[in-house]
């Protein structure tokens, strides 16, 4: 379900892929059964293409990886967390317009 510029991550590689990344990272916590997750996927893919040199885009399936969502208190999906320097700098919960996600990205840059 991830586009060309979006990487799937899991509990096993979360630290390396997200927390140790040199650039800001957007993590999309999602599940296959989640309609709002599917609704925002095109916006995520579009932004991933637009910001591919500045921000790393990742998706984490909460059904297949339960430790990381629990660690970050993910209670509903979709939840987008933007990490910078290994720390959460933005959190967006729910299906929001692309412009809202882009604003959060710009703040992180």
N, C-alpha and C. Protein backbone atom coordinates (compact mmCIF):
# COMPACT_ATOMS: atom_id res chain seq x y z
N UNK A 1 0.82 -1.20 0.00
CA UNK A 1 0.00 0.00 0.00
C UNK A 1 0.86 1.27 0.00
N UNK A 2 2.16 1.10 0.05
CA UNK A 2 3.04 2.26 0.06
C UNK A 2 3.46 2.62 -1.36
N UNK A 3 3.57 3.92 -1.63
CA UNK A 3 4.02 4.39 -2.94
C UNK A 3 5.52 4.22 -3.09
N UNK A 4 6.04 4.64 -4.24
CA UNK A 4 7.46 4.48 -4.55
C UNK A 4 8.39 5.18 -3.55
N UNK A 5 7.94 6.30 -3.00
CA UNK A 5 8.79 7.09 -2.11
C UNK A 5 8.42 6.89 -0.64
N UNK A 6 7.67 5.84 -0.34
CA UNK A 6 7.27 5.53 1.03
C UNK A 6 7.80 4.15 1.40
N UNK A 7 8.47 4.06 2.54
CA UNK A 7 9.09 2.82 3.00
C UNK A 7 8.25 2.20 4.10
N UNK A 8 8.05 0.89 4.04
CA UNK A 8 7.39 0.20 5.14
C UNK A 8 8.41 -0.06 6.23
N UNK A 9 8.04 0.26 7.47
CA UNK A 9 8.92 0.00 8.61
C UNK A 9 8.15 -0.86 9.61
N UNK A 10 8.91 -1.47 10.51
CA UNK A 10 8.30 -2.30 11.55
C UNK A 10 9.02 -2.11 12.86
N UNK A 11 8.58 -2.87 13.86
CA UNK A 11 9.21 -2.78 15.19
C UNK A 11 10.71 -3.04 15.11
N UNK A 12 11.11 -3.98 14.26
CA UNK A 12 12.51 -4.39 14.18
C UNK A 12 13.46 -3.35 13.63
N UNK A 13 12.98 -2.54 12.67
CA UNK A 13 13.88 -1.56 12.06
C UNK A 13 13.48 -0.11 12.33
N UNK A 14 12.55 0.10 13.25
CA UNK A 14 12.06 1.44 13.55
C UNK A 14 13.17 2.36 14.04
N UNK A 15 13.98 1.88 14.95
CA UNK A 15 15.06 2.72 15.50
C UNK A 15 16.00 3.16 14.38
N UNK A 16 16.44 2.22 13.56
CA UNK A 16 17.37 2.55 12.48
C UNK A 16 16.73 3.44 11.42
N UNK A 17 15.54 3.09 10.98
CA UNK A 17 14.88 3.81 9.89
C UNK A 17 14.35 5.19 10.30
N UNK A 18 13.87 5.30 11.53
CA UNK A 18 13.20 6.53 11.95
C UNK A 18 14.02 7.33 12.95
N UNK A 19 14.33 6.75 14.08
CA UNK A 19 14.97 7.50 15.16
C UNK A 19 16.40 7.93 14.82
N UNK A 20 17.11 7.13 14.03
CA UNK A 20 18.50 7.45 13.68
C UNK A 20 18.63 8.16 12.34
N UNK A 21 17.50 8.51 11.72
CA UNK A 21 17.54 9.16 10.41
C UNK A 21 18.11 10.57 10.52
N UNK A 22 18.90 10.94 9.52
CA UNK A 22 19.50 12.27 9.49
C UNK A 22 18.49 13.34 9.06
N UNK A 23 17.41 12.92 8.39
CA UNK A 23 16.40 13.88 7.95
C UNK A 23 15.09 13.62 8.70
N UNK A 24 14.19 14.60 8.69
CA UNK A 24 12.89 14.38 9.34
C UNK A 24 12.18 13.16 8.73
N UNK A 25 11.40 12.47 9.54
CA UNK A 25 10.70 11.27 9.10
C UNK A 25 9.22 11.38 9.46
N UNK A 26 8.36 11.16 8.46
CA UNK A 26 6.92 11.05 8.72
C UNK A 26 6.60 9.57 8.82
N UNK A 27 5.95 9.18 9.93
CA UNK A 27 5.52 7.79 10.11
C UNK A 27 4.00 7.77 10.08
N UNK A 28 3.45 7.00 9.15
CA UNK A 28 2.01 6.82 9.01
C UNK A 28 1.64 5.50 9.67
N UNK A 29 0.99 5.59 10.86
CA UNK A 29 0.50 4.39 11.54
C UNK A 29 -0.85 4.03 10.93
N UNK A 30 -0.97 2.83 10.37
CA UNK A 30 -2.15 2.47 9.60
C UNK A 30 -2.45 0.98 9.73
N UNK A 31 -3.57 0.55 9.14
CA UNK A 31 -3.93 -0.87 9.03
C UNK A 31 -4.72 -1.06 7.74
N UNK A 32 -4.69 -2.28 7.22
CA UNK A 32 -5.36 -2.55 5.94
C UNK A 32 -6.87 -2.35 6.01
N UNK A 33 -7.48 -2.58 7.17
CA UNK A 33 -8.93 -2.47 7.33
C UNK A 33 -9.40 -1.04 7.57
N UNK A 34 -8.49 -0.10 7.67
CA UNK A 34 -8.83 1.28 8.05
C UNK A 34 -9.14 2.14 6.82
N UNK A 35 -10.42 2.46 6.64
CA UNK A 35 -10.84 3.27 5.48
C UNK A 35 -10.22 4.68 5.49
N UNK A 36 -10.21 5.39 6.64
CA UNK A 36 -9.56 6.72 6.64
C UNK A 36 -8.07 6.64 6.29
N UNK A 37 -7.41 5.53 6.65
CA UNK A 37 -5.99 5.34 6.30
C UNK A 37 -5.84 5.28 4.79
N UNK A 38 -6.74 4.54 4.15
CA UNK A 38 -6.71 4.43 2.69
C UNK A 38 -7.05 5.78 2.06
N UNK A 39 -7.90 6.55 2.72
CA UNK A 39 -8.32 7.85 2.18
C UNK A 39 -7.17 8.84 2.12
N UNK A 40 -6.27 8.81 3.12
CA UNK A 40 -5.17 9.78 3.11
C UNK A 40 -3.93 9.27 2.38
N UNK A 41 -3.92 7.98 2.00
CA UNK A 41 -2.75 7.39 1.34
C UNK A 41 -2.32 8.15 0.08
N UNK A 42 -3.25 8.58 -0.80
CA UNK A 42 -2.81 9.34 -1.98
C UNK A 42 -2.12 10.66 -1.62
N UNK A 43 -2.59 11.32 -0.57
CA UNK A 43 -1.95 12.57 -0.13
C UNK A 43 -0.54 12.29 0.39
N UNK A 44 -0.39 11.21 1.15
CA UNK A 44 0.93 10.84 1.67
C UNK A 44 1.87 10.54 0.50
N UNK A 45 1.39 9.74 -0.46
CA UNK A 45 2.22 9.39 -1.61
C UNK A 45 2.63 10.63 -2.41
N UNK A 46 1.69 11.54 -2.58
CA UNK A 46 1.97 12.77 -3.32
C UNK A 46 3.02 13.62 -2.60
N UNK A 47 2.86 13.78 -1.29
CA UNK A 47 3.83 14.56 -0.51
C UNK A 47 5.19 13.87 -0.47
N UNK A 48 5.18 12.53 -0.45
CA UNK A 48 6.43 11.78 -0.44
C UNK A 48 7.22 12.05 -1.72
N UNK A 49 6.53 12.18 -2.83
CA UNK A 49 7.19 12.50 -4.09
C UNK A 49 7.69 13.94 -4.07
N UNK A 50 6.85 14.83 -3.59
CA UNK A 50 7.17 16.26 -3.55
C UNK A 50 8.36 16.56 -2.63
N UNK A 51 8.43 15.88 -1.49
CA UNK A 51 9.45 16.17 -0.47
C UNK A 51 10.50 15.07 -0.35
N UNK A 52 10.67 14.24 -1.40
CA UNK A 52 11.52 13.06 -1.29
C UNK A 52 12.96 13.37 -0.92
N UNK A 53 13.46 14.55 -1.24
CA UNK A 53 14.85 14.89 -0.91
C UNK A 53 14.99 15.52 0.47
N UNK A 54 13.85 15.85 1.10
CA UNK A 54 13.92 16.56 2.38
C UNK A 54 13.38 15.76 3.55
N UNK A 55 12.39 14.88 3.29
CA UNK A 55 11.72 14.14 4.36
C UNK A 55 11.63 12.68 3.95
N UNK A 56 11.84 11.80 4.93
CA UNK A 56 11.68 10.36 4.70
C UNK A 56 10.25 9.99 5.08
N UNK A 57 9.56 9.28 4.21
CA UNK A 57 8.17 8.88 4.46
C UNK A 57 8.11 7.39 4.72
N UNK A 58 7.45 7.01 5.83
CA UNK A 58 7.34 5.61 6.19
C UNK A 58 5.91 5.27 6.60
N UNK A 59 5.59 3.98 6.51
CA UNK A 59 4.30 3.47 6.98
C UNK A 59 4.58 2.32 7.93
N UNK A 60 3.80 2.27 9.02
CA UNK A 60 3.94 1.18 9.98
C UNK A 60 2.56 0.56 10.18
N UNK A 61 2.43 -0.72 9.82
CA UNK A 61 1.17 -1.44 9.96
C UNK A 61 1.01 -1.84 11.43
N UNK A 62 -0.03 -1.32 12.09
CA UNK A 62 -0.20 -1.55 13.53
C UNK A 62 -0.63 -2.98 13.86
N UNK A 63 -1.19 -3.68 12.88
CA UNK A 63 -1.58 -5.08 13.12
C UNK A 63 -0.37 -6.00 13.12
N UNK A 64 0.61 -5.67 12.30
CA UNK A 64 1.81 -6.49 12.19
C UNK A 64 2.90 -6.08 13.17
N UNK A 65 2.82 -4.86 13.67
CA UNK A 65 3.83 -4.31 14.59
C UNK A 65 3.10 -3.63 15.74
N UNK A 66 3.14 -4.23 16.91
CA UNK A 66 2.36 -3.67 18.02
C UNK A 66 3.20 -2.96 19.07
N UNK A 67 4.49 -3.22 19.11
CA UNK A 67 5.34 -2.60 20.14
C UNK A 67 5.49 -1.10 19.93
N UNK A 68 5.82 -0.70 18.71
CA UNK A 68 6.06 0.71 18.42
C UNK A 68 4.81 1.57 18.62
N UNK A 69 3.64 1.18 18.08
CA UNK A 69 2.43 1.99 18.34
C UNK A 69 2.13 2.12 19.83
N UNK A 70 2.35 1.04 20.57
CA UNK A 70 2.11 1.07 22.01
C UNK A 70 3.08 2.04 22.69
N UNK A 71 4.33 2.02 22.26
CA UNK A 71 5.36 2.89 22.83
C UNK A 71 5.01 4.37 22.64
N UNK A 72 4.38 4.69 21.50
CA UNK A 72 4.04 6.08 21.21
C UNK A 72 2.58 6.42 21.51
N UNK A 73 1.88 5.53 22.17
CA UNK A 73 0.51 5.81 22.60
C UNK A 73 -0.48 5.98 21.47
N UNK A 74 -0.29 5.22 20.38
CA UNK A 74 -1.20 5.31 19.25
C UNK A 74 -2.51 4.62 19.62
N UNK A 75 -3.60 5.41 19.70
CA UNK A 75 -4.89 4.86 20.11
C UNK A 75 -5.90 4.80 18.97
N UNK A 76 -5.68 5.63 17.95
CA UNK A 76 -6.57 5.59 16.79
C UNK A 76 -5.74 5.83 15.54
N UNK A 77 -6.25 5.33 14.44
CA UNK A 77 -5.53 5.49 13.17
C UNK A 77 -6.47 6.09 12.14
N UNK A 78 -5.95 6.77 11.14
CA UNK A 78 -4.52 7.00 10.96
C UNK A 78 -3.96 8.02 11.96
N UNK A 79 -2.76 7.78 12.39
CA UNK A 79 -1.99 8.75 13.16
C UNK A 79 -0.67 8.95 12.42
N UNK A 80 -0.33 10.21 12.20
CA UNK A 80 0.94 10.56 11.58
C UNK A 80 1.82 11.20 12.64
N UNK A 81 3.02 10.69 12.79
CA UNK A 81 4.01 11.30 13.67
C UNK A 81 5.17 11.76 12.81
N UNK A 82 5.63 12.97 13.07
CA UNK A 82 6.81 13.48 12.37
C UNK A 82 7.94 13.54 13.39
N UNK A 83 9.02 12.84 13.06
CA UNK A 83 10.19 12.77 13.92
C UNK A 83 11.30 13.63 13.35
N UNK A 84 12.01 14.30 14.24
CA UNK A 84 13.19 15.06 13.85
C UNK A 84 14.22 14.85 14.95
N UNK A 85 15.39 14.37 14.56
CA UNK A 85 16.42 14.09 15.57
C UNK A 85 15.99 13.04 16.58
N UNK A 86 15.15 12.09 16.13
CA UNK A 86 14.72 11.00 17.01
C UNK A 86 13.59 11.35 17.94
N UNK A 87 13.05 12.56 17.83
CA UNK A 87 11.96 12.99 18.72
C UNK A 87 10.72 13.38 17.91
N UNK A 88 9.55 13.15 18.50
CA UNK A 88 8.30 13.53 17.84
C UNK A 88 8.16 15.05 17.90
N UNK A 89 8.00 15.68 16.72
CA UNK A 89 7.83 17.13 16.67
C UNK A 89 6.42 17.53 16.23
N UNK A 90 5.70 16.60 15.62
CA UNK A 90 4.32 16.86 15.18
C UNK A 90 3.52 15.57 15.27
N UNK A 91 2.23 15.71 15.60
CA UNK A 91 1.32 14.56 15.60
C UNK A 91 0.01 14.98 14.96
N UNK A 92 -0.47 14.17 14.03
CA UNK A 92 -1.75 14.42 13.37
C UNK A 92 -2.57 13.14 13.50
N UNK A 93 -3.79 13.27 14.02
CA UNK A 93 -4.66 12.11 14.18
C UNK A 93 -5.88 12.27 13.28
N UNK A 94 -6.18 11.22 12.53
CA UNK A 94 -7.37 11.22 11.68
C UNK A 94 -7.04 11.57 10.24
N UNK A 95 -8.06 11.40 9.40
CA UNK A 95 -7.92 11.73 7.99
C UNK A 95 -8.06 13.24 7.84
N UNK A 96 -6.97 13.88 7.52
CA UNK A 96 -6.94 15.34 7.40
C UNK A 96 -6.60 15.72 5.97
N UNK A 97 -6.89 16.97 5.59
CA UNK A 97 -6.54 17.40 4.23
C UNK A 97 -5.01 17.40 4.02
N UNK A 98 -4.62 17.21 2.77
CA UNK A 98 -3.21 17.20 2.40
C UNK A 98 -2.50 18.46 2.89
N UNK A 99 -3.17 19.61 2.82
CA UNK A 99 -2.57 20.88 3.23
C UNK A 99 -2.17 20.86 4.71
N UNK A 100 -2.96 20.18 5.55
CA UNK A 100 -2.65 20.10 6.98
C UNK A 100 -1.37 19.29 7.20
N UNK A 101 -1.21 18.22 6.43
CA UNK A 101 -0.01 17.38 6.54
C UNK A 101 1.21 18.18 6.04
N UNK A 102 1.01 18.89 4.92
CA UNK A 102 2.11 19.67 4.36
C UNK A 102 2.55 20.78 5.31
N UNK A 103 1.61 21.42 5.99
CA UNK A 103 1.95 22.45 6.97
C UNK A 103 2.83 21.86 8.08
N UNK A 104 2.47 20.68 8.54
CA UNK A 104 3.25 20.02 9.59
C UNK A 104 4.66 19.69 9.10
N UNK A 105 4.76 19.26 7.86
CA UNK A 105 6.08 18.97 7.26
C UNK A 105 6.94 20.21 7.20
N UNK A 106 6.34 21.30 6.75
CA UNK A 106 7.08 22.56 6.63
C UNK A 106 7.60 23.02 7.98
N UNK A 107 6.79 22.83 9.03
CA UNK A 107 7.23 23.21 10.38
C UNK A 107 8.43 22.39 10.81
N UNK A 108 8.42 21.10 10.45
CA UNK A 108 9.51 20.21 10.83
C UNK A 108 10.80 20.52 10.09
N UNK A 109 10.66 21.11 8.91
CA UNK A 109 11.86 21.46 8.12
C UNK A 109 12.45 22.76 8.63
